[in-house]
């Protein structure tokens, strides 16, 4: 385990403590979620760079919506 010491504005620290966000478990969840989001963003940017380098035209919102609709239909109804 690693011990961290951080400085926060008083208002932020009080609100975070009141919301239960300053516990080791809550901070672990928050940091892991931030790391997952960062990795997803980096992956998306990497893909975007490859698509641009390949000269593939961007999709319109109509095309994106059609792809999403098709993917959802393939998965079937949610239960």
PDB file of N, CA and C in Angstrom:
ATOM      1  N   UNK A   1       0.851  -1.185   0.000  1.00  0.00           N
ATOM      2  CA  UNK A   1       0.000   0.000   0.000  1.00  0.00           C
ATOM      3  C   UNK A   1       0.887   1.234   0.000  1.00  0.00           C
ATOM      4  N   UNK A   2       0.377   2.264  -0.633  1.00  0.00           N
ATOM      5  CA  UNK A   2       1.068   3.546  -0.699  1.00  0.00           C
ATOM      6  C   UNK A   2       0.249   4.573   0.056  1.00  0.00           C
ATOM      7  N   UNK A   3       0.905   5.397   0.829  1.00  0.00           N
ATOM      8  CA  UNK A   3       0.249   6.476   1.546  1.00  0.00           C
ATOM      9  C   UNK A   3       0.452   7.760   0.759  1.00  0.00           C
ATOM     10  N   UNK A   4      -0.650   8.475   0.532  1.00  0.00           N
ATOM     11  CA  UNK A   4      -0.597   9.744  -0.186  1.00  0.00           C
ATOM     12  C   UNK A   4      -1.021  10.872   0.728  1.00  0.00           C
ATOM     13  N   UNK A   5      -0.397  12.010   0.522  1.00  0.00           N
ATOM     14  CA  UNK A   5      -0.821  13.217   1.221  1.00  0.00           C
ATOM     15  C   UNK A   5      -1.108  14.252   0.145  1.00  0.00           C
ATOM     16  N   UNK A   6      -2.329  14.795   0.151  1.00  0.00           N
ATOM     17  CA  UNK A   6      -2.704  15.772  -0.860  1.00  0.00           C
ATOM     18  C   UNK A   6      -3.205  17.041  -0.190  1.00  0.00           C
ATOM     19  N   UNK A   7      -3.122  18.148  -0.913  1.00  0.00           N
ATOM     20  CA  UNK A   7      -3.662  19.412  -0.433  1.00  0.00           C
ATOM     21  C   UNK A   7      -4.846  19.782  -1.305  1.00  0.00           C
ATOM     22  N   UNK A   8      -5.968  20.068  -0.660  1.00  0.00           N
ATOM     23  CA  UNK A   8      -7.186  20.473  -1.353  1.00  0.00           C
ATOM     24  C   UNK A   8      -7.705  21.762  -0.724  1.00  0.00           C
ATOM     25  N   UNK A   9      -8.411  22.565  -1.506  1.00  0.00           N
ATOM     26  CA  UNK A   9      -9.086  23.707  -0.887  1.00  0.00           C
ATOM     27  C   UNK A   9     -10.045  23.197   0.183  1.00  0.00           C
ATOM     28  N   UNK A  10     -10.219  23.961   1.244  1.00  0.00           N
ATOM     29  CA  UNK A  10     -11.050  23.526   2.365  1.00  0.00           C
ATOM     30  C   UNK A  10     -12.457  23.132   1.924  1.00  0.00           C
ATOM     31  N   UNK A  11     -13.069  23.936   1.069  1.00  0.00           N
ATOM     32  CA  UNK A  11     -14.431  23.640   0.623  1.00  0.00           C
ATOM     33  C   UNK A  11     -14.512  22.320  -0.125  1.00  0.00           C
ATOM     34  N   UNK A  12     -13.527  22.070  -0.979  1.00  0.00           N
ATOM     35  CA  UNK A  12     -13.496  20.821  -1.729  1.00  0.00           C
ATOM     36  C   UNK A  12     -13.323  19.639  -0.783  1.00  0.00           C
ATOM     37  N   UNK A  13     -12.416  19.759   0.164  1.00  0.00           N
ATOM     38  CA  UNK A  13     -12.162  18.675   1.114  1.00  0.00           C
ATOM     39  C   UNK A  13     -13.401  18.397   1.959  1.00  0.00           C
ATOM     40  N   UNK A  14     -14.078  19.443   2.415  1.00  0.00           N
ATOM     41  CA  UNK A  14     -15.274  19.257   3.243  1.00  0.00           C
ATOM     42  C   UNK A  14     -16.389  18.582   2.442  1.00  0.00           C
ATOM     43  N   UNK A  15     -16.602  19.034   1.210  1.00  0.00           N
ATOM     44  CA  UNK A  15     -17.652  18.445   0.377  1.00  0.00           C
ATOM     45  C   UNK A  15     -17.323  16.991   0.045  1.00  0.00           C
ATOM     46  N   UNK A  16     -16.067  16.717  -0.274  1.00  0.00           N
ATOM     47  CA  UNK A  16     -15.649  15.353  -0.600  1.00  0.00           C
ATOM     48  C   UNK A  16     -15.791  14.442   0.615  1.00  0.00           C
ATOM     49  N   UNK A  17     -15.410  14.929   1.768  1.00  0.00           N
ATOM     50  CA  UNK A  17     -15.547  14.134   2.997  1.00  0.00           C
ATOM     51  C   UNK A  17     -17.017  13.852   3.291  1.00  0.00           C
ATOM     52  N   UNK A  18     -17.861  14.872   3.141  1.00  0.00           N
ATOM     53  CA  UNK A  18     -19.294  14.704   3.397  1.00  0.00           C
ATOM     54  C   UNK A  18     -19.918  13.705   2.418  1.00  0.00           C
ATOM     55  N   UNK A  19     -19.384  13.648   1.203  1.00  0.00           N
ATOM     56  CA  UNK A  19     -19.907  12.722   0.193  1.00  0.00           C
ATOM     57  C   UNK A  19     -19.286  11.336   0.306  1.00  0.00           C
ATOM     58  N   UNK A  20     -18.382  11.163   1.260  1.00  0.00           N
ATOM     59  CA  UNK A  20     -17.748   9.859   1.452  1.00  0.00           C
ATOM     60  C   UNK A  20     -16.679   9.547   0.412  1.00  0.00           C
ATOM     61  N   UNK A  21     -16.113  10.571  -0.194  1.00  0.00           N
ATOM     62  CA  UNK A  21     -15.139  10.362  -1.270  1.00  0.00           C
ATOM     63  C   UNK A  21     -13.684  10.363  -0.815  1.00  0.00           C
ATOM     64  N   UNK A  22     -13.442  10.565   0.452  1.00  0.00           N
ATOM     65  CA  UNK A  22     -12.054  10.596   0.921  1.00  0.00           C
ATOM     66  C   UNK A  22     -11.624   9.308   1.617  1.00  0.00           C
ATOM     67  N   UNK A  23     -12.404   8.269   1.483  1.00  0.00           N
ATOM     68  CA  UNK A  23     -11.996   6.978   2.041  1.00  0.00           C
ATOM     69  C   UNK A  23     -11.046   6.298   1.065  1.00  0.00           C
ATOM     70  N   UNK A  24     -10.195   5.411   1.537  1.00  0.00           N
ATOM     71  CA  UNK A  24      -9.301   4.695   0.624  1.00  0.00           C
ATOM     72  C   UNK A  24     -10.060   3.957  -0.481  1.00  0.00           C
ATOM     73  N   UNK A  25     -11.202   3.362  -0.130  1.00  0.00           N
ATOM     74  CA  UNK A  25     -11.974   2.612  -1.116  1.00  0.00           C
ATOM     75  C   UNK A  25     -12.549   3.539  -2.196  1.00  0.00           C
ATOM     76  N   UNK A  26     -13.099   4.671  -1.773  1.00  0.00           N
ATOM     77  CA  UNK A  26     -13.682   5.619  -2.724  1.00  0.00           C
ATOM     78  C   UNK A  26     -12.606   6.217  -3.625  1.00  0.00           C
ATOM     79  N   UNK A  27     -11.474   6.575  -3.047  1.00  0.00           N
ATOM     80  CA  UNK A  27     -10.380   7.134  -3.848  1.00  0.00           C
ATOM     81  C   UNK A  27      -9.842   6.102  -4.833  1.00  0.00           C
ATOM     82  N   UNK A  28      -9.775   4.852  -4.403  1.00  0.00           N
ATOM     83  CA  UNK A  28      -9.335   3.782  -5.306  1.00  0.00           C
ATOM     84  C   UNK A  28     -10.278   3.671  -6.498  1.00  0.00           C
ATOM     85  N   UNK A  29     -11.594   3.681  -6.236  1.00  0.00           N
ATOM     86  CA  UNK A  29     -12.580   3.610  -7.326  1.00  0.00           C
ATOM     87  C   UNK A  29     -12.465   4.812  -8.251  1.00  0.00           C
ATOM     88  N   UNK A  30     -12.354   6.012  -7.674  1.00  0.00           N
ATOM     89  CA  UNK A  30     -12.258   7.237  -8.483  1.00  0.00           C
ATOM     90  C   UNK A  30     -11.008   7.232  -9.363  1.00  0.00           C
ATOM     91  N   UNK A  31      -9.887   6.847  -8.793  1.00  0.00           N
ATOM     92  CA  UNK A  31      -8.637   6.834  -9.557  1.00  0.00           C
ATOM     93  C   UNK A  31      -8.659   5.761 -10.642  1.00  0.00           C
ATOM     94  N   UNK A  32      -9.185   4.581 -10.317  1.00  0.00           N
ATOM     95  CA  UNK A  32      -9.264   3.530 -11.333  1.00  0.00           C
ATOM     96  C   UNK A  32     -10.175   3.936 -12.479  1.00  0.00           C
ATOM     97  N   UNK A  33     -11.292   4.581 -12.180  1.00  0.00           N
ATOM     98  CA  UNK A  33     -12.198   5.049 -13.227  1.00  0.00           C
ATOM     99  C   UNK A  33     -11.511   6.113 -14.091  1.00  0.00           C
ATOM    100  N   UNK A  34     -10.786   7.019 -13.468  1.00  0.00           N
ATOM    101  CA  UNK A  34     -10.062   8.045 -14.232  1.00  0.00           C
ATOM    102  C   UNK A  34      -9.004   7.404 -15.128  1.00  0.00           C
ATOM    103  N   UNK A  35      -8.329   6.383 -14.628  1.00  0.00           N
ATOM    104  CA  UNK A  35      -7.323   5.688 -15.438  1.00  0.00           C
ATOM    105  C   UNK A  35      -7.966   4.967 -16.621  1.00  0.00           C
ATOM    106  N   UNK A  36      -9.124   4.327 -16.397  1.00  0.00           N
ATOM    107  CA  UNK A  36      -9.839   3.652 -17.494  1.00  0.00           C
ATOM    108  C   UNK A  36     -10.275   4.656 -18.558  1.00  0.00           C
ATOM    109  N   UNK A  37     -10.784   5.804 -18.121  1.00  0.00           N
ATOM    110  CA  UNK A  37     -11.218   6.831 -19.062  1.00  0.00           C
ATOM    111  C   UNK A  37     -10.045   7.380 -19.857  1.00  0.00           C
ATOM    112  N   UNK A  38      -8.928   7.578 -19.203  1.00  0.00           N
ATOM    113  CA  UNK A  38      -7.741   8.084 -19.902  1.00  0.00           C
ATOM    114  C   UNK A  38      -7.269   7.078 -20.946  1.00  0.00           C
ATOM    115  N   UNK A  39      -7.258   5.798 -20.590  1.00  0.00           N
ATOM    116  CA  UNK A  39      -6.838   4.748 -21.525  1.00  0.00           C
ATOM    117  C   UNK A  39      -7.791   4.676 -22.712  1.00  0.00           C
ATOM    118  N   UNK A  40      -9.090   4.788 -22.445  1.00  0.00           N
ATOM    119  CA  UNK A  40     -10.074   4.767 -23.533  1.00  0.00           C
ATOM    120  C   UNK A  40      -9.881   5.961 -24.458  1.00  0.00           C
ATOM    121  N   UNK A  41      -9.638   7.132 -23.894  1.00  0.00           N
ATOM    122  CA  UNK A  41      -9.416   8.324 -24.715  1.00  0.00           C
ATOM    123  C   UNK A  41      -8.152   8.170 -25.556  1.00  0.00           C
ATOM    124  N   UNK A  42      -7.093   7.664 -24.956  1.00  0.00           N
ATOM    125  CA  UNK A  42      -5.849   7.460 -25.698  1.00  0.00           C
ATOM    126  C   UNK A  42      -6.035   6.457 -26.823  1.00  0.00           C
ATOM    127  N   UNK A  43      -6.789   5.409 -26.562  1.00  0.00           N
ATOM    128  CA  UNK A  43      -7.062   4.403 -27.580  1.00  0.00           C
ATOM    129  C   UNK A  43      -7.860   5.012 -28.733  1.00  0.00           C
ATOM    130  N   UNK A  44      -8.861   5.805 -28.395  1.00  0.00           N
ATOM    131  CA  UNK A  44      -9.680   6.454 -29.415  1.00  0.00           C
ATOM    132  C   UNK A  44      -8.837   7.397 -30.265  1.00  0.00           C
ATOM    133  N   UNK A  45      -7.977   8.168 -29.625  1.00  0.00           N
ATOM    134  CA  UNK A  45      -7.120   9.085 -30.377  1.00  0.00           C
ATOM    135  C   UNK A  45      -6.158   8.330 -31.278  1.00  0.00           C
ATOM    136  N   UNK A  46      -5.666   7.199 -30.813  1.00  0.00           N
ATOM    137  CA  UNK A  46      -4.770   6.377 -31.623  1.00  0.00           C
ATOM    138  C   UNK A  46      -5.487   5.865 -32.863  1.00  0.00           C
ATOM    139  N   UNK A  47      -6.722   5.422 -32.673  1.00  0.00           N
ATOM    140  CA  UNK A  47      -7.519   4.933 -33.802  1.00  0.00           C
ATOM    141  C   UNK A  47      -7.799   6.082 -34.767  1.00  0.00           C
ATOM    142  N   UNK A  48      -8.131   7.247 -34.234  1.00  0.00           N
ATOM    143  CA  UNK A  48      -8.426   8.409 -35.082  1.00  0.00           C
ATOM    144  C   UNK A  48      -7.213   8.769 -35.933  1.00  0.00           C
ATOM    145  N   UNK A  49      -6.027   8.705 -35.360  1.00  0.00           N
ATOM    146  CA  UNK A  49      -4.808   8.994 -36.116  1.00  0.00           C
ATOM    147  C   UNK A  49      -4.624   7.995 -37.254  1.00  0.00           C
ATOM    148  N   UNK A  50      -4.887   6.719 -36.987  1.00  0.00           N
ATOM    149  CA  UNK A  50      -4.736   5.692 -38.034  1.00  0.00           C
ATOM    150  C   UNK A  50      -5.777   5.867 -39.128  1.00  0.00           C
ATOM    151  N   UNK A  51      -6.995   6.223 -38.747  1.00  0.00           N
ATOM    152  CA  UNK A  51      -8.050   6.445 -39.737  1.00  0.00           C
ATOM    153  C   UNK A  51      -7.678   7.634 -40.626  1.00  0.00           C
ATOM    154  N   UNK A  52      -7.201   8.707 -40.024  1.00  0.00           N
ATOM    155  CA  UNK A  52      -6.807   9.884 -40.803  1.00  0.00           C
ATOM    156  C   UNK A  52      -5.648   9.550 -41.734  1.00  0.00           C
ATOM    157  N   UNK A  53      -4.677   8.799 -41.241  1.00  0.00           N
ATOM    158  CA  UNK A  53      -3.527   8.424 -42.061  1.00  0.00           C
ATOM    159  C   UNK A  53      -3.933   7.525 -43.227  1.00  0.00           C
ATOM    160  N   UNK A  54      -4.995   6.737 -43.045  1.00  0.00           N
ATOM    161  CA  UNK A  54      -5.460   5.840 -44.098  1.00  0.00           C
ATOM    162  C   UNK A  54      -6.329   6.567 -45.121  1.00  0.00           C
ATOM    163  N   UNK A  55      -6.650   7.821 -44.836  1.00  0.00           N
ATOM    164  CA  UNK A  55      -7.455   8.596 -45.768  1.00  0.00           C
ATOM    165  C   UNK A  55      -8.921   8.236 -45.771  1.00  0.00           C
ATOM    166  N   UNK A  56      -9.403   7.640 -44.691  1.00  0.00           N
ATOM    167  CA  UNK A  56     -10.808   7.255 -44.590  1.00  0.00           C
ATOM    168  C   UNK A  56     -11.638   8.498 -44.236  1.00  0.00           C
ATOM    169  N   UNK A  57     -12.687   8.732 -45.001  1.00  0.00           N
ATOM    170  CA  UNK A  57     -13.540   9.903 -44.763  1.00  0.00           C
ATOM    171  C   UNK A  57     -14.293   9.745 -43.450  1.00  0.00           C
ATOM    172  N   UNK A  58     -14.474  10.832 -42.706  1.00  0.00           N
ATOM    173  CA  UNK A  58     -15.238  10.751 -41.454  1.00  0.00           C
ATOM    174  C   UNK A  58     -16.688  10.377 -41.730  1.00  0.00           C
ATOM    175  N   UNK A  59     -17.295   9.706 -40.761  1.00  0.00           N
ATOM    176  CA  UNK A  59     -18.702   9.321 -40.882  1.00  0.00           C
ATOM    177  C   UNK A  59     -19.585  10.500 -40.480  1.00  0.00           C
ATOM    178  N   UNK A  60     -20.753  10.582 -41.127  1.00  0.00           N
ATOM    179  CA  UNK A  60     -21.735  11.583 -40.731  1.00  0.00           C
ATOM    180  C   UNK A  60     -22.461  11.085 -39.490  1.00  0.00           C
ATOM    181  N   UNK A  61     -23.168  11.986 -38.812  1.00  0.00           N
ATOM    182  CA  UNK A  61     -23.949  11.567 -37.646  1.00  0.00           C
ATOM    183  C   UNK A  61     -25.018  10.564 -38.058  1.00  0.00           C
ATOM    184  N   UNK A  62     -25.569  10.723 -39.247  1.00  0.00           N
ATOM    185  CA  UNK A  62     -26.576   9.780 -39.737  1.00  0.00           C
ATOM    186  C   UNK A  62     -25.966   8.384 -39.895  1.00  0.00           C
ATOM    187  N   UNK A  63     -24.751   8.306 -40.425  1.00  0.00           N
ATOM    188  CA  UNK A  63     -24.074   7.013 -40.572  1.00  0.00           C
ATOM    189  C   UNK A  63     -23.743   6.399 -39.213  1.00  0.00           C
ATOM    190  N   UNK A  64     -23.300   7.229 -38.297  1.00  0.00           N
ATOM    191  CA  UNK A  64     -22.976   6.749 -36.946  1.00  0.00           C
ATOM    192  C   UNK A  64     -24.233   6.208 -36.270  1.00  0.00           C
ATOM    193  N   UNK A  65     -25.327   6.968 -36.357  1.00  0.00           N
ATOM    194  CA  UNK A  65     -26.594   6.525 -35.753  1.00  0.00           C
ATOM    195  C   UNK A  65     -27.060   5.207 -36.362  1.00  0.00           C
ATOM    196  N   UNK A  66     -26.902   5.051 -37.672  1.00  0.00           N
ATOM    197  CA  UNK A  66     -27.307   3.803 -38.323  1.00  0.00           C
ATOM    198  C   UNK A  66     -26.460   2.638 -37.825  1.00  0.00           C
ATOM    199  N   UNK A  67     -25.160   2.847 -37.649  1.00  0.00           N
ATOM    200  CA  UNK A  67     -24.271   1.796 -37.137  1.00  0.00           C
ATOM    201  C   UNK A  67     -24.644   1.412 -35.710  1.00  0.00           C
ATOM    202  N   UNK A  68     -24.919   2.408 -34.880  1.00  0.00           N
ATOM    203  CA  UNK A  68     -25.314   2.145 -33.490  1.00  0.00           C
ATOM    204  C   UNK A  68     -26.623   1.365 -33.461  1.00  0.00           C
ATOM    205  N   UNK A  69     -27.579   1.785 -34.280  1.00  0.00           N
ATOM    206  CA  UNK A  69     -28.869   1.100 -34.339  1.00  0.00           C
ATOM    207  C   UNK A  69     -28.698  -0.355 -34.770  1.00  0.00           C
ATOM    208  N   UNK A  70     -27.849  -0.584 -35.776  1.00  0.00           N
ATOM    209  CA  UNK A  70     -27.610  -1.945 -36.262  1.00  0.00           C
ATOM    210  C   UNK A  70     -26.944  -2.801 -35.184  1.00  0.00           C
ATOM    211  N   UNK A  71     -25.977  -2.232 -34.473  1.00  0.00           N
ATOM    212  CA  UNK A  71     -25.289  -2.979 -33.414  1.00  0.00           C
ATOM    213  C   UNK A  71     -26.255  -3.341 -32.295  1.00  0.00           C
ATOM    214  N   UNK A  72     -27.131  -2.409 -31.932  1.00  0.00           N
ATOM    215  CA  UNK A  72     -28.116  -2.673 -30.882  1.00  0.00           C
ATOM    216  C   UNK A  72     -29.108  -3.757 -31.330  1.00  0.00           C
ATOM    217  N   UNK A  73     -29.525  -3.694 -32.589  1.00  0.00           N
ATOM    218  CA  UNK A  73     -30.455  -4.695 -33.109  1.00  0.00           C
ATOM    219  C   UNK A  73     -29.818  -6.077 -33.108  1.00  0.00           C
ATOM    220  N   UNK A  74     -28.522  -6.131 -33.425  1.00  0.00           N
ATOM    221  CA  UNK A  74     -27.794  -7.413 -33.444  1.00  0.00           C
ATOM    222  C   UNK A  74     -27.723  -8.028 -32.052  1.00  0.00           C
ATOM    223  N   UNK A  75     -27.567  -7.192 -31.025  1.00  0.00           N
ATOM    224  CA  UNK A  75     -27.483  -7.676 -29.641  1.00  0.00           C
ATOM    225  C   UNK A  75     -28.834  -8.113 -29.119  1.00  0.00           C
ATOM    226  N   UNK A  76     -29.908  -7.569 -29.656  1.00  0.00           N
ATOM    227  CA  UNK A  76     -31.234  -7.942 -29.194  1.00  0.00           C
ATOM    228  C   UNK A  76     -31.716  -7.038 -28.069  1.00  0.00           C
ATOM    229  N   UNK A  77     -32.934  -7.281 -27.588  1.00  0.00           N
ATOM    230  CA  UNK A  77     -33.512  -6.437 -26.530  1.00  0.00           C
ATOM    231  C   UNK A  77     -32.773  -6.614 -25.211  1.00  0.00           C
ATOM    232  N   UNK A  78     -32.770  -5.518 -24.469  1.00  0.00           N
ATOM    233  CA  UNK A  78     -32.143  -5.569 -23.138  1.00  0.00           C
ATOM    234  C   UNK A  78     -33.106  -6.187 -22.146  1.00  0.00           C
ATOM    235  N   UNK A  79     -32.576  -7.013 -21.257  1.00  0.00           N
ATOM    236  CA  UNK A  79     -33.426  -7.638 -20.223  1.00  0.00           C
ATOM    237  C   UNK A  79     -33.035  -7.138 -18.880  1.00  0.00           C
TER     238      UNK A  79
END
